[in-house]
Amino acid sequence: MTINEDHDLKIELAPGSAVPEDTQELVGLIHRAMPTEMFDSSQLGMDTTYVDTEIRIVRYTGVRHEGVRNIFMRKGAVQINPTLVEK
């Protein structure tokens, strides 16, 4: 499903997933997958605490989200493998 042709943004389902036929169920699934601070911006402040070409860390302040940090990484920029043993 393409959201905006100009930016080539897409929503891709995980393998084996099916789009719910009920619109309210679909919106609920999307809502649960997104951070709550995107829906309740009242008394919310945010600032970028770190940024480079591959990662950005944003700190949120306010009554509900004090101290919350979101980390945004470019796809494929960082490989996280907790079982990797470096020699």
C-alpha atoms as a PDB file:
ATOM      1  CA  MET A   1       0.000   0.000   0.000  1.00  0.00           C
ATOM      2  CA  THR A   2       1.576   3.334  -1.019  1.00  0.00           C
ATOM      3  CA  ILE A   3       0.870   6.300   1.238  1.00  0.00           C
ATOM      4  CA  ASN A   4       2.310   9.085  -0.870  1.00  0.00           C
ATOM      5  CA  GLU A   5       3.590   8.698  -4.415  1.00  0.00           C
ATOM      6  CA  ASP A   6       5.903  11.725  -4.093  1.00  0.00           C
ATOM      7  CA  HIS A   7       7.946  10.255  -1.253  1.00  0.00           C
ATOM      8  CA  ASP A   8       7.611   6.575  -2.134  1.00  0.00           C
ATOM      9  CA  LEU A   9       6.519   5.690   1.420  1.00  0.00           C
ATOM     10  CA  LYS A  10       5.094   2.211   1.857  1.00  0.00           C
ATOM     11  CA  ILE A  11       3.540   0.059   4.520  1.00  0.00           C
ATOM     12  CA  GLU A  12       4.741  -3.505   4.185  1.00  0.00           C
ATOM     13  CA  LEU A  13       3.238  -6.320   6.189  1.00  0.00           C
ATOM     14  CA  ALA A  14       5.357  -8.959   7.856  1.00  0.00           C
ATOM     15  CA  PRO A  15       5.471 -12.289   6.013  1.00  0.00           C
ATOM     16  CA  GLY A  16       2.306 -14.286   6.682  1.00  0.00           C
ATOM     17  CA  SER A  17       0.341 -11.221   7.836  1.00  0.00           C
ATOM     18  CA  ALA A  18      -3.012 -10.292   6.374  1.00  0.00           C
ATOM     19  CA  VAL A  19      -4.677  -6.880   6.214  1.00  0.00           C
ATOM     20  CA  PRO A  20      -7.693  -6.882   8.544  1.00  0.00           C
ATOM     21  CA  GLU A  21     -10.980  -6.406   6.705  1.00  0.00           C
ATOM     22  CA  ASP A  22     -12.353  -4.322   9.584  1.00  0.00           C
ATOM     23  CA  THR A  23     -11.102  -0.722   9.212  1.00  0.00           C
ATOM     24  CA  GLN A  24     -11.279  -0.027  12.959  1.00  0.00           C
ATOM     25  CA  GLU A  25      -9.152  -3.096  13.640  1.00  0.00           C
ATOM     26  CA  LEU A  26      -6.564  -1.913  11.094  1.00  0.00           C
ATOM     27  CA  VAL A  27      -6.410   1.557  12.675  1.00  0.00           C
ATOM     28  CA  GLY A  28      -6.071  -0.059  16.105  1.00  0.00           C
ATOM     29  CA  LEU A  29      -3.132  -2.176  14.937  1.00  0.00           C
ATOM     30  CA  ILE A  30      -1.386   0.867  13.476  1.00  0.00           C
ATOM     31  CA  HIS A  31      -2.119   2.934  16.608  1.00  0.00           C
ATOM     32  CA  ARG A  32      -0.669   0.273  18.932  1.00  0.00           C
ATOM     33  CA  ALA A  33       2.494   0.052  16.834  1.00  0.00           C
ATOM     34  CA  MET A  34       3.196   3.806  17.078  1.00  0.00           C
ATOM     35  CA  PRO A  35       4.660   5.591  20.110  1.00  0.00           C
ATOM     36  CA  THR A  36       1.980   7.198  22.302  1.00  0.00           C
ATOM     37  CA  GLU A  37       3.716  10.583  22.203  1.00  0.00           C
ATOM     38  CA  MET A  38       2.680  10.874  18.557  1.00  0.00           C
ATOM     39  CA  PHE A  39      -0.986  10.929  19.594  1.00  0.00           C
ATOM     40  CA  ASP A  40      -0.825  12.970  22.806  1.00  0.00           C
ATOM     41  CA  SER A  41       1.333  15.996  22.185  1.00  0.00           C
ATOM     42  CA  SER A  42      -0.181  18.094  24.983  1.00  0.00           C
ATOM     43  CA  GLN A  43       2.491  19.511  27.279  1.00  0.00           C
ATOM     44  CA  LEU A  44       5.141  17.651  25.272  1.00  0.00           C
ATOM     45  CA  GLY A  45       8.560  18.995  24.467  1.00  0.00           C
ATOM     46  CA  MET A  46      11.274  17.262  22.497  1.00  0.00           C
ATOM     47  CA  ASP A  47      14.834  17.921  21.510  1.00  0.00           C
ATOM     48  CA  THR A  48      17.447  16.056  19.533  1.00  0.00           C
ATOM     49  CA  THR A  49      20.183  14.972  21.920  1.00  0.00           C
ATOM     50  CA  TYR A  50      22.397  13.267  19.332  1.00  0.00           C
ATOM     51  CA  VAL A  51      22.454  13.146  15.550  1.00  0.00           C
ATOM     52  CA  ASP A  52      24.796  11.867  12.849  1.00  0.00           C
ATOM     53  CA  THR A  53      24.345  10.358   9.393  1.00  0.00           C
ATOM     54  CA  GLU A  54      23.086   7.003  10.734  1.00  0.00           C
ATOM     55  CA  ILE A  55      21.372   7.619  14.066  1.00  0.00           C
ATOM     56  CA  ARG A  56      19.249  10.271  15.812  1.00  0.00           C
ATOM     57  CA  ILE A  57      18.236  10.271  19.493  1.00  0.00           C
ATOM     58  CA  VAL A  58      15.273  12.416  20.534  1.00  0.00           C
ATOM     59  CA  ARG A  59      14.478  13.182  24.187  1.00  0.00           C
ATOM     60  CA  TYR A  60      10.911  13.928  25.257  1.00  0.00           C
ATOM     61  CA  THR A  61       9.915  16.028  28.261  1.00  0.00           C
ATOM     62  CA  GLY A  62       6.558  16.719  29.797  1.00  0.00           C
ATOM     63  CA  VAL A  63       4.060  15.371  32.287  1.00  0.00           C
ATOM     64  CA  ARG A  64       3.445  12.024  30.620  1.00  0.00           C
ATOM     65  CA  HIS A  65       6.678  11.297  28.726  1.00  0.00           C
ATOM     66  CA  GLU A  66       9.408  12.779  30.928  1.00  0.00           C
ATOM     67  CA  GLY A  67      12.726  11.149  30.089  1.00  0.00           C
ATOM     68  CA  VAL A  68      11.465   9.040  27.166  1.00  0.00           C
ATOM     69  CA  ARG A  69      14.001   8.712  24.377  1.00  0.00           C
ATOM     70  CA  ASN A  70      13.365   7.484  20.864  1.00  0.00           C
ATOM     71  CA  ILE A  71      16.232   6.199  18.740  1.00  0.00           C
ATOM     72  CA  PHE A  72      15.902   6.428  14.974  1.00  0.00           C
ATOM     73  CA  MET A  73      18.369   4.478  12.809  1.00  0.00           C
ATOM     74  CA  ARG A  74      18.746   4.273   9.062  1.00  0.00           C
ATOM     75  CA  LYS A  75      17.749   0.845   7.837  1.00  0.00           C
ATOM     76  CA  GLY A  76      20.846  -1.332   7.591  1.00  0.00           C
ATOM     77  CA  ALA A  77      23.109   1.273   9.212  1.00  0.00           C
ATOM     78  CA  VAL A  78      23.634  -0.636  12.438  1.00  0.00           C
ATOM     79  CA  GLN A  79      23.603  -4.392  12.938  1.00  0.00           C
ATOM     80  CA  ILE A  80      22.446  -5.509  16.375  1.00  0.00           C
ATOM     81  CA  ASN A  81      23.241  -9.130  17.154  1.00  0.00           C
ATOM     82  CA  PRO A  82      23.338  -9.977  20.886  1.00  0.00           C
ATOM     83  CA  THR A  83      24.735 -13.469  20.190  1.00  0.00           C
ATOM     84  CA  LEU A  84      27.706 -12.196  18.153  1.00  0.00           C
ATOM     85  CA  VAL A  85      31.050 -12.890  19.830  1.00  0.00           C
ATOM     86  CA  GLU A  86      33.848 -10.682  18.551  1.00  0.00           C
ATOM     87  CA  LYS A  87      37.377 -12.077  18.587  1.00  0.00           C
END
